C-alpha cells in the first residue's frame, strides 16, 4: 500500500490521504528522492526495487533530483485538512514542493 502511495505521490506530485498514512509515506518519498540525488546505478536499482514503475524512477532521477539539488531535505509538505465525512478520520494533503 505504501509503495503505491509513494508512486502516486511522485506521479501526481500531490495526494490526499489520512494523516497517519501521509506521515509514513512522507519519509519514504524523502528517501527515494535522496537516492535520486545521489544518482549512481546502484541507487537507481535501489529505487527500482521499491518503485516498480520505471517511468516514475526515471522522473525521480531526471526531473526531481535536479529540482531539489540545492535542498538537503524537506522535499514534501504535509497540510492538514478537514476530517473525512464518513468516519471522521483526520485527512491530510501531501505534496512535493516546487
N, C-alpha and C. Protein backbone atom coordinates (compact mmCIF):
# COMPACT_ATOMS: atom_id res chain seq x y z
N UNK A 1 0.83 -1.18 0.00
CA UNK A 1 0.00 0.00 0.00
C UNK A 1 0.88 1.26 0.00
N UNK A 2 1.91 1.25 0.83
CA UNK A 2 2.77 2.44 0.91
C UNK A 2 3.56 2.62 -0.38
N UNK A 3 3.99 1.53 -1.00
CA UNK A 3 4.71 1.64 -2.27
C UNK A 3 3.83 2.28 -3.32
N UNK A 4 2.57 1.92 -3.34
CA UNK A 4 1.63 2.51 -4.30
C UNK A 4 1.43 3.99 -4.03
N UNK A 5 1.32 4.36 -2.76
CA UNK A 5 1.13 5.76 -2.43
C UNK A 5 2.37 6.59 -2.75
N UNK A 6 3.54 6.02 -2.53
CA UNK A 6 4.78 6.72 -2.90
C UNK A 6 4.83 6.93 -4.42
N UNK A 7 4.48 5.90 -5.16
CA UNK A 7 4.45 6.01 -6.62
C UNK A 7 3.45 7.05 -7.08
N UNK A 8 2.25 7.05 -6.49
CA UNK A 8 1.23 8.03 -6.87
C UNK A 8 1.63 9.45 -6.51
N UNK A 9 2.29 9.62 -5.37
CA UNK A 9 2.73 10.96 -4.98
C UNK A 9 3.77 11.49 -5.96
N UNK A 10 4.68 10.64 -6.37
CA UNK A 10 5.70 11.09 -7.32
C UNK A 10 5.06 11.35 -8.69
N UNK A 11 4.11 10.51 -9.07
CA UNK A 11 3.45 10.68 -10.38
C UNK A 11 2.63 11.96 -10.43
N UNK A 12 1.78 12.18 -9.43
CA UNK A 12 0.85 13.31 -9.44
C UNK A 12 1.36 14.53 -8.66
N UNK A 13 2.40 14.33 -7.87
CA UNK A 13 3.02 15.35 -7.03
C UNK A 13 2.09 15.88 -5.93
N UNK A 14 0.98 15.20 -5.71
CA UNK A 14 0.05 15.59 -4.65
C UNK A 14 -0.93 14.44 -4.42
N UNK A 15 -1.12 14.04 -3.16
CA UNK A 15 -2.13 13.04 -2.84
C UNK A 15 -2.88 13.48 -1.59
N UNK A 16 -4.11 13.02 -1.48
CA UNK A 16 -4.94 13.27 -0.31
C UNK A 16 -5.19 11.93 0.36
N UNK A 17 -4.79 11.82 1.63
CA UNK A 17 -4.90 10.56 2.35
C UNK A 17 -5.07 10.86 3.84
N UNK A 18 -5.15 9.82 4.65
CA UNK A 18 -5.27 10.06 6.08
C UNK A 18 -3.94 10.60 6.61
N UNK A 19 -4.02 11.28 7.72
CA UNK A 19 -2.83 11.93 8.27
C UNK A 19 -1.77 10.91 8.67
N UNK A 20 -2.17 9.79 9.24
CA UNK A 20 -1.20 8.78 9.66
C UNK A 20 -0.47 8.18 8.47
N UNK A 21 -1.21 7.87 7.40
CA UNK A 21 -0.57 7.33 6.20
C UNK A 21 0.35 8.36 5.56
N UNK A 22 -0.08 9.61 5.56
CA UNK A 22 0.74 10.68 4.96
C UNK A 22 2.07 10.82 5.69
N UNK A 23 2.06 10.71 7.00
CA UNK A 23 3.30 10.83 7.76
C UNK A 23 4.25 9.68 7.46
N UNK A 24 3.72 8.50 7.25
CA UNK A 24 4.57 7.35 6.90
C UNK A 24 5.13 7.49 5.48
N UNK A 25 4.28 7.87 4.55
CA UNK A 25 4.69 7.98 3.15
C UNK A 25 5.71 9.11 2.98
N UNK A 26 5.60 10.15 3.77
CA UNK A 26 6.48 11.30 3.67
C UNK A 26 7.95 10.89 3.80
N UNK A 27 8.25 10.09 4.79
CA UNK A 27 9.64 9.65 4.98
C UNK A 27 10.14 8.77 3.86
N UNK A 28 9.25 7.93 3.32
CA UNK A 28 9.65 7.04 2.23
C UNK A 28 9.95 7.82 0.96
N UNK A 29 9.15 8.82 0.67
CA UNK A 29 9.38 9.65 -0.52
C UNK A 29 10.68 10.42 -0.40
N UNK A 30 10.94 10.93 0.80
CA UNK A 30 12.19 11.68 1.02
C UNK A 30 13.40 10.78 0.74
N UNK A 31 13.33 9.52 1.16
CA UNK A 31 14.45 8.61 0.93
C UNK A 31 14.63 8.30 -0.56
N UNK A 32 13.52 8.14 -1.28
CA UNK A 32 13.61 7.85 -2.72
C UNK A 32 14.20 9.05 -3.47
N UNK A 33 13.79 10.25 -3.10
CA UNK A 33 14.34 11.44 -3.77
C UNK A 33 15.82 11.60 -3.44
N UNK A 34 16.21 11.26 -2.21
CA UNK A 34 17.62 11.32 -1.85
C UNK A 34 18.43 10.31 -2.68
N UNK A 35 17.86 9.13 -2.94
CA UNK A 35 18.53 8.18 -3.84
C UNK A 35 18.69 8.78 -5.23
N UNK A 36 17.67 9.51 -5.68
CA UNK A 36 17.75 10.16 -6.99
C UNK A 36 18.83 11.21 -7.04
N UNK A 37 19.03 11.92 -5.94
CA UNK A 37 20.07 12.95 -5.91
C UNK A 37 21.46 12.34 -5.95
N UNK A 38 21.63 11.15 -5.38
CA UNK A 38 22.94 10.51 -5.40
C UNK A 38 23.26 10.03 -6.81
N UNK A 39 22.28 9.49 -7.52
CA UNK A 39 22.36 9.30 -8.95
C UNK A 39 23.17 8.15 -9.51
N UNK A 40 23.75 7.28 -8.71
CA UNK A 40 24.55 6.20 -9.28
C UNK A 40 23.66 5.05 -9.74
N UNK A 41 24.23 4.11 -10.44
CA UNK A 41 23.49 2.96 -10.91
C UNK A 41 22.95 2.14 -9.74
N UNK A 42 23.74 2.00 -8.70
CA UNK A 42 23.30 1.27 -7.53
C UNK A 42 22.09 1.94 -6.88
N UNK A 43 22.09 3.25 -6.81
CA UNK A 43 20.97 3.96 -6.21
C UNK A 43 19.72 3.85 -7.10
N UNK A 44 19.92 3.84 -8.40
CA UNK A 44 18.78 3.65 -9.31
C UNK A 44 18.17 2.26 -9.11
N UNK A 45 19.01 1.25 -8.94
CA UNK A 45 18.50 -0.10 -8.71
C UNK A 45 17.77 -0.20 -7.38
N UNK A 46 18.26 0.50 -6.36
CA UNK A 46 17.57 0.51 -5.07
C UNK A 46 16.20 1.17 -5.20
N UNK A 47 16.11 2.23 -5.98
CA UNK A 47 14.82 2.88 -6.20
C UNK A 47 13.89 1.97 -6.99
N UNK A 48 14.41 1.26 -7.99
CA UNK A 48 13.59 0.33 -8.77
C UNK A 48 13.11 -0.85 -7.92
N UNK A 49 13.85 -1.21 -6.89
CA UNK A 49 13.41 -2.28 -6.00
C UNK A 49 12.20 -1.85 -5.17
N UNK A 50 12.09 -0.55 -4.92
CA UNK A 50 10.96 -0.06 -4.12
C UNK A 50 9.82 0.40 -5.01
N UNK A 51 10.11 1.14 -6.08
CA UNK A 51 9.10 1.64 -7.00
C UNK A 51 9.17 0.78 -8.26
N UNK A 52 8.07 0.14 -8.59
CA UNK A 52 8.10 -0.84 -9.68
C UNK A 52 7.89 -0.23 -11.05
N UNK A 53 7.48 1.04 -11.13
CA UNK A 53 7.25 1.69 -12.42
C UNK A 53 8.53 2.41 -12.86
N UNK A 54 9.09 1.96 -13.98
CA UNK A 54 10.36 2.53 -14.45
C UNK A 54 10.23 4.00 -14.83
N UNK A 55 9.07 4.40 -15.34
CA UNK A 55 8.87 5.81 -15.71
C UNK A 55 8.92 6.72 -14.50
N UNK A 56 8.42 6.26 -13.38
CA UNK A 56 8.44 7.06 -12.16
C UNK A 56 9.86 7.17 -11.64
N UNK A 57 10.63 6.09 -11.71
CA UNK A 57 12.03 6.15 -11.29
C UNK A 57 12.81 7.09 -12.20
N UNK A 58 12.51 7.06 -13.49
CA UNK A 58 13.15 7.98 -14.42
C UNK A 58 12.81 9.42 -14.07
N UNK A 59 11.56 9.67 -13.67
CA UNK A 59 11.15 11.01 -13.27
C UNK A 59 11.92 11.46 -12.03
N UNK A 60 12.12 10.56 -11.08
CA UNK A 60 12.85 10.90 -9.86
C UNK A 60 14.28 11.31 -10.20
N UNK A 61 14.95 10.52 -11.03
CA UNK A 61 16.35 10.76 -11.32
C UNK A 61 16.57 11.90 -12.31
N UNK A 62 15.65 12.09 -13.27
CA UNK A 62 15.85 13.09 -14.31
C UNK A 62 15.21 14.44 -13.99
N UNK A 63 14.05 14.44 -13.31
CA UNK A 63 13.33 15.68 -13.07
C UNK A 63 13.42 16.17 -11.62
N UNK A 64 13.14 15.27 -10.68
CA UNK A 64 13.08 15.70 -9.27
C UNK A 64 14.46 15.92 -8.66
N UNK A 65 15.42 15.08 -8.99
CA UNK A 65 16.76 15.24 -8.41
C UNK A 65 17.38 16.59 -8.75
N UNK A 66 17.34 17.04 -10.01
CA UNK A 66 17.87 18.39 -10.28
C UNK A 66 17.06 19.49 -9.61
N UNK A 67 15.74 19.29 -9.47
CA UNK A 67 14.90 20.31 -8.84
C UNK A 67 15.29 20.52 -7.37
N UNK A 68 15.66 19.43 -6.71
CA UNK A 68 15.99 19.51 -5.28
C UNK A 68 17.49 19.43 -5.01
N UNK A 69 18.30 19.75 -5.99
CA UNK A 69 19.75 19.59 -5.83
C UNK A 69 20.33 20.51 -4.76
N UNK A 70 19.72 21.66 -4.52
CA UNK A 70 20.24 22.59 -3.51
C UNK A 70 19.66 22.35 -2.13
N UNK A 71 18.62 21.52 -2.03
CA UNK A 71 17.99 21.26 -0.73
C UNK A 71 18.65 20.06 -0.07
N UNK A 72 18.79 20.11 1.24
CA UNK A 72 19.36 18.98 1.96
C UNK A 72 18.29 18.04 2.50
N UNK A 73 17.06 18.37 2.33
CA UNK A 73 15.94 17.55 2.80
C UNK A 73 14.68 18.39 2.77
N UNK A 74 13.59 17.81 3.23
CA UNK A 74 12.34 18.55 3.26
C UNK A 74 11.76 18.77 1.89
N UNK A 75 11.56 17.69 1.14
CA UNK A 75 11.07 17.80 -0.23
C UNK A 75 9.54 17.79 -0.29
N UNK A 76 8.89 17.49 0.84
CA UNK A 76 7.44 17.36 0.85
C UNK A 76 6.82 18.32 1.86
N UNK A 77 5.53 18.56 1.66
CA UNK A 77 4.76 19.41 2.57
C UNK A 77 3.52 18.63 2.99
N UNK A 78 3.20 18.65 4.27
CA UNK A 78 2.03 17.99 4.81
C UNK A 78 1.06 19.05 5.31
N UNK A 79 -0.12 19.12 4.70
CA UNK A 79 -1.12 20.11 5.06
C UNK A 79 -2.33 19.37 5.61
N UNK A 80 -2.71 19.67 6.84
CA UNK A 80 -3.86 19.03 7.44
C UNK A 80 -5.14 19.61 6.87
N UNK A 81 -6.12 18.72 6.66
CA UNK A 81 -7.39 19.13 6.06
C UNK A 81 -8.53 18.78 7.01
N UNK A 82 -9.77 19.08 6.59
CA UNK A 82 -10.93 18.76 7.41
C UNK A 82 -11.11 17.24 7.51
N UNK A 83 -11.72 16.76 8.58
CA UNK A 83 -11.93 15.31 8.73
C UNK A 83 -12.81 14.74 7.62
N UNK A 84 -12.61 13.48 7.35
CA UNK A 84 -13.41 12.78 6.35
C UNK A 84 -14.84 12.66 6.86
N UNK A 85 -15.81 12.84 5.98
CA UNK A 85 -17.21 12.86 6.41
C UNK A 85 -17.69 11.50 6.90
N UNK A 86 -17.27 10.43 6.28
CA UNK A 86 -17.81 9.12 6.61
C UNK A 86 -17.48 8.64 8.01
N UNK A 87 -16.21 8.69 8.38
CA UNK A 87 -15.80 8.16 9.68
C UNK A 87 -15.06 9.18 10.55
N UNK A 88 -14.86 10.37 10.06
CA UNK A 88 -14.21 11.41 10.87
C UNK A 88 -12.70 11.27 10.96
N UNK A 89 -12.10 10.48 10.08
CA UNK A 89 -10.65 10.32 10.09
C UNK A 89 -9.98 11.63 9.68
N UNK A 90 -8.90 11.96 10.35
CA UNK A 90 -8.19 13.20 10.03
C UNK A 90 -7.46 13.02 8.70
N UNK A 91 -7.69 13.95 7.78
CA UNK A 91 -7.15 13.86 6.43
C UNK A 91 -6.01 14.86 6.27
N UNK A 92 -5.15 14.58 5.30
CA UNK A 92 -4.02 15.46 5.03
C UNK A 92 -3.72 15.46 3.53
N UNK A 93 -3.15 16.55 3.09
CA UNK A 93 -2.70 16.68 1.71
C UNK A 93 -1.19 16.62 1.74
N UNK A 94 -0.63 15.67 1.05
CA UNK A 94 0.83 15.50 0.98
C UNK A 94 1.26 15.87 -0.42
N UNK A 95 2.17 16.83 -0.55
CA UNK A 95 2.58 17.30 -1.86
C UNK A 95 4.08 17.55 -1.91
N UNK A 96 4.63 17.44 -3.12
CA UNK A 96 6.04 17.76 -3.33
C UNK A 96 6.18 19.26 -3.48
N UNK A 97 7.24 19.81 -2.92
CA UNK A 97 7.49 21.23 -3.03
C UNK A 97 7.99 21.56 -4.43
N UNK A 98 7.77 22.79 -4.83
CA UNK A 98 8.22 23.24 -6.14
C UNK A 98 9.60 23.76 -5.97
